[in-house]
Each structure stands twice: as C-alpha cells, then as structure tokens.
Amino acid sequence: MSAIIVKRVAVALLSLLIISALSFTLMELAPGDALARYAENPRISRADREKIAANLGLDKPAYVRYVLWLTHIVRGDMGLSFMTGRPVSEEILSRLPATLKLMGFSLFLSLAVAVALGVYSAMHKNTLVDHMISFGSFLGISIPSFWFGLLMIYIFALWLRILPAGGYSTPWFDPGVYPVLIRPFVIFWDQLRYMLMPAIVLSLTNIAGWSRYVRSAVWDELQQDYIRSARANGLPEKQVIYRHALRNALTPMATLIGLELPQLFAGAVVTEHIFAWPGMGRLFITAVHNRDYQVLMGIIMITAALVILGNYLVNILYKRLDPRVRYNG
C-alpha cells in the first residue's frame, strides 16, 4: 500500500511540474506582459518602467524567473499579484469556496437529473418520451453555455423577475433580523437563488451526456440473466431496477465524473463571468485582462492539483463500489 501511495504522489508531482512548465512557457510566448499597461501611460518614463520591471523580477530571463517561481511554490509562496499587491494565495483562497460550492451543487444537480432521465428513458425505451429525452440531450450537448446563460438571465431575471441576474448574495440582506433557528435556512435560500442559474448552465452538458449514458447502461443491465432471474422470482419491478440494475449501471459513472472534473473547472470560467459569480473563474478572466501572470499561474496550479486529487478520490470510490477491480500496478 505504501508503494502505491508513493508512486501516485510521484506521478502527481511530475504532472504538476509538467503543467507548470507548459503554462509558464505559453504565458511567455503570449503577446504583452504585466508592463503593457504602464507603456500606455505617457506619465511613466522608460526608466520608471525598467525600475518597475526590476521590482517585479521581469528583467530576468524566462528560465531564471521560472526557477525562482518554482522554488517559491515549493515553500508555499505563490508570489504577489501584479495588480493588487496582495499575496496570490489570499486572492485564490478568497474565491475558491465560491467555485467549489458552485461546482459541488452543479455536480449534484447533474447526477440527480441525469439518473432520473436516464432510468425513465430506459424503462420506456423507443416511446415518445424516450425520443423527447434523447432530442433534449442532443440539444443540451449542442447549445453553447454562454448563449444558454444569457437566455436564462433574459427569461428568469429580466422577464419573469424571479431570480437575480448575477452575484453571490443580496447586498442589503441582513440575516440578523431573523430568529436564530431559521437563520441558516434563510442564508441558504438567499445564496441558492443566486446559485441556481449558474449551476443549471454549468450542469447542462453533463446532464445531456450522462443521461444518455445512464439510459444505455441501465438498458444493458436489464437484459442480463440475473435481472431475468430476479423478475422470475417475483421481485417488484422497482426493486429490480433501482436495487439491482441501477446500482451496477452507475458504478462506471465514477470514471465519468473524474473525466469531467477539468471540464467543470473550464466551464466555471465562462459561467462565473456571465453571472458575476465571485469565484476563481471570474478571477481568472480578470487576471487574463490585466496580464497578471502570477495569479494565472496560481489558479492553474491550484486547479490542476484539485483535478488530480479529485481523480484519485474517484478511483478510490470506484474500487469501493466495484470489488472486482483490483490494483494491477
């Protein structure tokens, strides 16, 4: 067991090293740098710009800056933001909970809706409802998330006026006016109203794809001999489907969730920007506009570490769900 852990930690560290080197190289090749905004200011002379570059460490060769950045990362220091002057770790940690909350709710929503649609579609295969769910799935995969987000804002925020267009919570909301016992529920409801639309947009593609997978997997399980035996023994149909067929059909879903984690982070960048959600995705867009490469590198590394950790947890979950799986080295 210890050898397995050491091997996985080594692979994770090597992956992070490769990701950091590629990301740093791409940023070096990208046009412009953190000094570009100073170059447009006529009040700042060339000597001042050179002094600023020296203070930021931008006067050194790229490979030297990468080695310095890497040594600081090993010590847990991500550097300072070029724009705010705050530590990058503080900038990211202040936004990370909002992103994880949005992704967690989106993942829960994706699983709940996809399983419900997939099971119902498998139970009513080749019916009108099955064809409608299939058409909706293909439509959900095809719709761009930014367009769907704008459509949601127009319908629910501007037209029906039942959900806020963006943000994290009501600015003037004061939970102190409510009794202590119901205060957590009031806070949860206020944040849920703001989180509902971005979570739906973020989960749309997963719902569309996963529902098709669940439909196919459940239908295949229903054709197995043990299902026929269960039915022949007089088990209720719901017990046959939900206790036997669905349980075995959903085991490989753990692998799909692991594969979708990078897509969730990528989708959060667009979704958070559309709905002004104060998470890492919105911080990433702001850092790109300001060419704040220290923040960009920090976000990339934190995201990569979370994705690697998430995949390892998914692998552990998969082995717990399916005892037939054994580590083969």
Protein backbone atom coordinates (compact mmCIF):
# COMPACT_ATOMS: atom_id res chain seq x y z
CA MET A 1 0.00 0.00 0.00
CA SER A 2 2.82 2.41 0.86
CA ALA A 3 4.47 1.73 -2.51
CA ILE A 4 1.20 2.56 -4.28
CA ILE A 5 0.87 5.84 -2.38
CA VAL A 6 4.48 6.82 -3.12
CA LYS A 7 4.01 6.02 -6.80
CA ARG A 8 0.83 8.08 -7.05
CA VAL A 9 2.35 11.03 -5.22
CA ALA A 10 5.36 10.92 -7.55
CA VAL A 11 3.11 10.83 -10.63
CA ALA A 12 1.07 13.73 -9.25
CA LEU A 13 4.16 15.86 -8.58
CA LEU A 14 5.57 15.09 -12.03
CA SER A 15 2.25 16.03 -13.62
CA LEU A 16 2.18 19.34 -11.72
CA LEU A 17 5.76 20.06 -12.78
CA ILE A 18 4.96 19.46 -16.46
CA ILE A 19 1.78 21.56 -16.23
CA SER A 20 3.65 24.43 -14.59
CA ALA A 21 6.43 24.37 -17.23
CA LEU A 22 3.96 24.31 -20.13
CA SER A 23 1.81 27.06 -18.61
CA PHE A 24 4.81 29.28 -17.90
CA THR A 25 6.11 28.77 -21.45
CA LEU A 26 2.76 29.61 -23.03
CA MET A 27 2.50 32.79 -20.99
CA GLU A 28 5.99 33.79 -22.07
CA LEU A 29 5.02 33.28 -25.72
CA ALA A 30 1.79 35.24 -25.33
CA PRO A 31 1.86 38.87 -26.52
CA GLY A 32 2.18 41.56 -23.86
CA ASP A 33 3.18 41.37 -20.21
CA ALA A 34 2.39 43.00 -16.89
CA LEU A 35 4.20 46.17 -18.00
CA ALA A 36 1.96 46.71 -21.03
CA ARG A 37 -0.45 48.92 -19.09
CA TYR A 38 2.45 51.12 -17.97
CA ALA A 39 3.68 51.50 -21.55
CA GLU A 40 0.36 53.13 -22.48
CA ASN A 41 0.74 55.76 -19.76
CA PRO A 42 2.73 58.77 -21.05
CA ARG A 43 3.44 59.91 -17.49
CA ILE A 44 5.62 56.88 -16.81
CA SER A 45 9.08 57.16 -18.34
CA ARG A 46 11.17 54.33 -19.69
CA ALA A 47 13.43 54.48 -16.64
CA ASP A 48 10.40 54.12 -14.38
CA ARG A 49 9.19 51.13 -16.36
CA GLU A 50 12.61 49.50 -16.05
CA LYS A 51 12.52 50.11 -12.30
CA ILE A 52 9.06 48.55 -12.07
CA ALA A 53 10.27 45.57 -14.12
CA ALA A 54 13.20 45.10 -11.74
CA ASN A 55 10.89 45.25 -8.71
CA LEU A 56 8.60 42.64 -10.27
CA GLY A 57 11.51 40.46 -11.37
CA LEU A 58 10.59 40.83 -15.04
CA ASP A 59 14.08 41.95 -16.02
CA LYS A 60 15.45 38.43 -15.58
CA PRO A 61 15.48 35.72 -18.29
CA ALA A 62 12.43 33.48 -18.50
CA TYR A 63 14.16 30.32 -17.26
CA VAL A 64 15.53 32.18 -14.23
CA ARG A 65 12.07 33.52 -13.36
CA TYR A 66 10.59 30.04 -13.70
CA VAL A 67 13.18 28.50 -11.38
CA LEU A 68 12.63 31.30 -8.85
CA TRP A 69 8.86 30.86 -9.10
CA LEU A 70 9.22 27.09 -8.65
CA THR A 71 11.40 27.45 -5.55
CA HIS A 72 8.84 29.81 -4.03
CA ILE A 73 5.98 27.42 -4.87
CA VAL A 74 7.77 24.59 -3.07
CA ARG A 75 7.82 26.79 0.04
CA GLY A 76 4.12 27.57 -0.37
CA ASP A 77 4.67 31.11 -1.65
CA MET A 78 2.79 31.92 -4.88
CA GLY A 79 4.12 35.45 -5.03
CA LEU A 80 2.25 38.75 -5.20
CA SER A 81 -0.42 39.86 -7.61
CA PHE A 82 0.84 42.46 -10.08
CA MET A 83 -2.48 44.32 -9.88
CA THR A 84 -3.46 44.31 -6.21
CA GLY A 85 -0.14 43.67 -4.49
CA ARG A 86 -1.81 41.04 -2.31
CA PRO A 87 -0.41 37.51 -1.98
CA VAL A 88 -1.72 35.27 -4.76
CA SER A 89 -2.66 32.62 -2.21
CA GLU A 90 -5.00 35.10 -0.48
CA GLU A 91 -6.56 36.12 -3.79
CA ILE A 92 -7.26 32.49 -4.70
CA LEU A 93 -8.37 31.25 -1.28
CA SER A 94 -10.88 34.10 -1.03
CA ARG A 95 -12.50 32.90 -4.29
CA LEU A 96 -12.04 29.12 -4.01
CA PRO A 97 -15.01 28.41 -1.67
CA ALA A 98 -17.46 30.07 -4.07
CA THR A 99 -16.17 27.99 -7.00
CA LEU A 100 -16.24 24.73 -5.05
CA LYS A 101 -19.75 25.48 -3.83
CA LEU A 102 -20.95 26.14 -7.38
CA MET A 103 -19.22 23.05 -8.77
CA GLY A 104 -20.49 20.83 -5.96
CA PHE A 105 -24.09 21.93 -6.45
CA SER A 106 -23.73 21.60 -10.21
CA LEU A 107 -22.34 18.07 -9.85
CA PHE A 108 -25.19 17.07 -7.54
CA LEU A 109 -27.73 18.55 -9.95
CA SER A 110 -26.12 16.79 -12.91
CA LEU A 111 -26.20 13.38 -11.23
CA ALA A 112 -29.75 13.71 -9.89
CA VAL A 113 -31.32 14.87 -13.15
CA ALA A 114 -29.23 12.62 -15.43
CA VAL A 115 -30.00 9.48 -13.41
CA ALA A 116 -33.72 10.29 -13.28
CA LEU A 117 -33.94 10.97 -17.02
CA GLY A 118 -31.73 8.02 -17.95
CA VAL A 119 -33.65 5.49 -15.86
CA TYR A 120 -37.03 6.73 -17.06
CA SER A 121 -35.83 6.68 -20.66
CA ALA A 122 -34.50 3.12 -20.29
CA MET A 123 -37.77 1.94 -18.74
CA HIS A 124 -39.74 3.45 -21.63
CA LYS A 125 -37.34 2.76 -24.50
CA ASN A 126 -38.48 3.71 -28.02
CA THR A 127 -41.54 5.58 -26.73
CA LEU A 128 -42.40 9.22 -27.40
CA VAL A 129 -41.00 10.25 -24.02
CA ASP A 130 -37.74 8.42 -24.76
CA HIS A 131 -37.41 10.19 -28.09
CA MET A 132 -38.13 13.56 -26.45
CA ILE A 133 -35.47 12.97 -23.79
CA SER A 134 -33.00 11.90 -26.50
CA PHE A 135 -33.73 15.03 -28.51
CA GLY A 136 -33.32 17.18 -25.40
CA SER A 137 -29.99 15.50 -24.65
CA PHE A 138 -28.59 16.18 -28.11
CA LEU A 139 -29.87 19.75 -27.86
CA GLY A 140 -28.21 20.22 -24.48
CA ILE A 141 -24.87 19.00 -25.80
CA SER A 142 -25.08 21.36 -28.78
CA ILE A 143 -26.09 24.59 -27.00
CA PRO A 144 -23.14 26.89 -26.14
CA SER A 145 -23.03 27.56 -22.41
CA PHE A 146 -22.60 31.33 -22.77
CA TRP A 147 -25.68 31.57 -25.01
CA PHE A 148 -27.73 29.42 -22.65
CA GLY A 149 -26.59 31.56 -19.72
CA LEU A 150 -27.69 34.77 -21.41
CA LEU A 151 -31.00 33.13 -22.29
CA MET A 152 -31.52 32.13 -18.65
CA ILE A 153 -30.80 35.69 -17.50
CA TYR A 154 -33.27 37.11 -20.01
CA ILE A 155 -36.08 34.69 -19.07
CA PHE A 156 -35.76 34.36 -15.29
CA ALA A 157 -34.14 37.67 -14.31
CA LEU A 158 -35.39 40.23 -16.83
CA TRP A 159 -38.71 38.79 -18.00
CA LEU A 160 -40.12 36.73 -15.10
CA ARG A 161 -38.06 38.55 -12.44
CA ILE A 162 -37.95 35.54 -10.12
CA LEU A 163 -34.16 35.06 -9.92
CA PRO A 164 -31.29 37.55 -9.63
CA ALA A 165 -29.23 38.15 -12.77
CA GLY A 166 -25.89 37.66 -11.05
CA GLY A 167 -23.87 37.94 -7.89
CA TYR A 168 -23.39 35.79 -4.79
CA SER A 169 -25.93 37.11 -2.28
CA THR A 170 -28.28 40.04 -1.78
CA PRO A 171 -26.13 43.10 -0.89
CA TRP A 172 -28.67 44.54 1.57
CA PHE A 173 -29.60 41.16 3.04
CA ASP A 174 -29.37 41.13 6.86
CA PRO A 175 -29.79 37.64 8.36
CA GLY A 176 -29.69 39.12 11.85
CA VAL A 177 -33.34 40.17 11.63
CA TYR A 178 -34.43 36.51 11.53
CA PRO A 179 -34.67 34.14 14.51
CA VAL A 180 -31.52 32.15 15.25
CA LEU A 181 -33.13 28.79 14.49
CA ILE A 182 -34.16 29.66 10.93
CA ARG A 183 -31.24 31.98 10.15
CA PRO A 184 -29.10 29.26 8.42
CA PHE A 185 -32.03 28.29 6.20
CA VAL A 186 -32.66 31.92 5.24
CA ILE A 187 -28.98 32.40 4.33
CA PHE A 188 -29.01 29.15 2.35
CA TRP A 189 -32.14 30.19 0.43
CA ASP A 190 -30.68 33.60 -0.40
CA GLN A 191 -27.49 32.07 -1.80
CA LEU A 192 -29.43 29.30 -3.57
CA ARG A 193 -31.37 31.90 -5.57
CA TYR A 194 -28.10 33.31 -6.88
CA MET A 195 -26.52 29.90 -7.45
CA LEU A 196 -29.42 28.23 -9.26
CA MET A 197 -28.98 29.69 -12.75
CA PRO A 198 -25.17 29.34 -12.98
CA ALA A 199 -25.41 25.78 -11.63
CA ILE A 200 -28.01 24.85 -14.26
CA VAL A 201 -25.86 26.34 -17.02
CA LEU A 202 -22.75 24.57 -15.72
CA SER A 203 -24.55 21.22 -15.46
CA LEU A 204 -26.39 21.34 -18.80
CA THR A 205 -23.78 19.46 -20.83
CA ASN A 206 -23.26 16.86 -18.10
CA ILE A 207 -26.99 16.23 -17.77
CA ALA A 208 -27.30 15.79 -21.53
CA GLY A 209 -24.36 13.39 -21.83
CA TRP A 210 -24.78 11.46 -18.60
CA SER A 211 -28.49 10.83 -19.16
CA ARG A 212 -27.65 9.08 -22.44
CA TYR A 213 -25.01 7.00 -20.68
CA VAL A 214 -27.37 6.02 -17.83
CA ARG A 215 -30.07 5.08 -20.34
CA SER A 216 -27.70 2.81 -22.26
CA ALA A 217 -26.15 1.28 -19.12
CA VAL A 218 -29.49 0.58 -17.42
CA TRP A 219 -30.92 -0.93 -20.60
CA ASP A 220 -27.91 -3.23 -20.94
CA GLU A 221 -28.26 -4.33 -17.31
CA LEU A 222 -31.96 -5.05 -17.80
CA GLN A 223 -31.02 -7.61 -20.47
CA GLN A 224 -28.72 -9.56 -18.15
CA ASP A 225 -29.59 -13.04 -16.87
CA TYR A 226 -29.60 -12.05 -13.19
CA ILE A 227 -32.31 -9.47 -13.92
CA ARG A 228 -34.43 -12.13 -15.61
CA SER A 229 -33.88 -14.37 -12.59
CA ALA A 230 -34.91 -11.59 -10.20
CA ARG A 231 -38.09 -10.99 -12.18
CA ALA A 232 -38.80 -14.72 -12.34
CA ASN A 233 -38.50 -14.91 -8.54
CA GLY A 234 -41.27 -12.33 -8.22
CA LEU A 235 -39.29 -9.26 -7.15
CA PRO A 236 -41.13 -5.97 -7.70
CA GLU A 237 -40.07 -4.11 -10.85
CA LYS A 238 -38.92 -1.05 -8.92
CA GLN A 239 -36.71 -3.19 -6.71
CA VAL A 240 -35.27 -4.93 -9.77
CA ILE A 241 -34.42 -1.62 -11.41
CA TYR A 242 -33.27 0.55 -8.52
CA ARG A 243 -31.64 -2.05 -6.28
CA HIS A 244 -30.00 -4.25 -8.91
CA ALA A 245 -29.85 -2.79 -12.42
CA LEU A 246 -29.24 0.84 -11.49
CA ARG A 247 -26.63 0.02 -8.86
CA ASN A 248 -24.50 -1.93 -11.32
CA ALA A 249 -25.10 0.54 -14.13
CA LEU A 250 -23.95 3.55 -12.10
CA THR A 251 -20.64 2.07 -10.94
CA PRO A 252 -18.74 3.23 -14.08
CA MET A 253 -20.20 6.73 -13.54
CA ALA A 254 -17.37 7.34 -11.09
CA THR A 255 -14.95 7.25 -14.03
CA LEU A 256 -17.07 9.74 -15.97
CA ILE A 257 -17.10 12.13 -13.02
CA GLY A 258 -13.31 12.01 -12.84
CA LEU A 259 -13.02 12.76 -16.55
CA GLU A 260 -15.46 15.67 -16.27
CA LEU A 261 -13.65 17.49 -13.45
CA PRO A 262 -11.40 19.51 -15.81
CA GLN A 263 -14.47 20.39 -17.89
CA LEU A 264 -16.25 21.63 -14.78
CA PHE A 265 -13.39 23.98 -13.96
CA ALA A 266 -13.24 25.17 -17.58
CA GLY A 267 -16.99 25.69 -17.67
CA ALA A 268 -16.85 27.61 -14.40
CA VAL A 269 -14.63 30.24 -16.05
CA VAL A 270 -17.35 31.16 -18.56
CA THR A 271 -20.28 30.66 -16.19
CA GLU A 272 -18.83 32.73 -13.36
CA HIS A 273 -18.04 35.55 -15.76
CA ILE A 274 -21.58 35.59 -17.17
CA PHE A 275 -23.28 35.58 -13.76
CA ALA A 276 -20.68 37.70 -11.91
CA TRP A 277 -20.09 34.79 -9.53
CA PRO A 278 -17.12 35.72 -7.29
CA GLY A 279 -15.12 32.54 -7.85
CA MET A 280 -11.80 31.50 -9.34
CA GLY A 281 -13.21 31.53 -12.86
CA ARG A 282 -14.02 35.21 -12.67
CA LEU A 283 -10.64 35.90 -11.07
CA PHE A 284 -9.01 34.04 -13.97
CA ILE A 285 -10.75 36.27 -16.54
CA THR A 286 -9.71 39.40 -14.63
CA ALA A 287 -6.11 38.18 -14.42
CA VAL A 288 -6.06 37.50 -18.18
CA HIS A 289 -7.29 41.02 -18.95
CA ASN A 290 -4.68 42.53 -16.63
CA ARG A 291 -1.90 40.13 -17.70
CA ASP A 292 -1.44 39.20 -14.06
CA TYR A 293 0.61 36.08 -14.74
CA GLN A 294 1.35 35.38 -11.08
CA VAL A 295 -2.37 34.97 -10.39
CA LEU A 296 -2.85 32.94 -13.57
CA MET A 297 -0.10 30.51 -12.62
CA GLY A 298 -1.52 30.19 -9.13
CA ILE A 299 -5.02 29.43 -10.42
CA ILE A 300 -3.69 26.89 -12.94
CA MET A 301 -1.66 25.06 -10.30
CA ILE A 302 -4.47 25.01 -7.73
CA THR A 303 -6.92 23.78 -10.37
CA ALA A 304 -4.52 21.09 -11.58
CA ALA A 305 -3.91 19.91 -8.02
CA LEU A 306 -7.65 19.73 -7.31
CA VAL A 307 -8.30 17.81 -10.54
CA ILE A 308 -5.54 15.29 -9.75
CA LEU A 309 -6.81 14.90 -6.18
CA GLY A 310 -10.37 14.52 -7.42
CA ASN A 311 -9.37 11.78 -9.86
CA TYR A 312 -7.56 9.86 -7.13
CA LEU A 313 -10.63 10.09 -4.88
CA VAL A 314 -12.80 8.92 -7.77
CA ASN A 315 -10.50 5.92 -8.31
CA ILE A 316 -10.80 5.02 -4.64
CA LEU A 317 -14.58 5.37 -4.81
CA TYR A 318 -14.72 3.19 -7.92
CA LYS A 319 -12.78 0.41 -6.21
CA ARG A 320 -15.08 0.59 -3.21
CA LEU A 321 -18.17 0.39 -5.41
CA ASP A 322 -16.85 -2.46 -7.57
CA PRO A 323 -14.93 -5.12 -5.58
CA ARG A 324 -13.94 -6.82 -8.84
CA VAL A 325 -11.50 -4.00 -9.53
CA ARG A 326 -8.03 -4.71 -8.21
CA TYR A 327 -4.89 -2.63 -8.44
CA ASN A 328 -2.66 -4.19 -11.07
CA GLY A 329 0.42 -1.99 -10.59
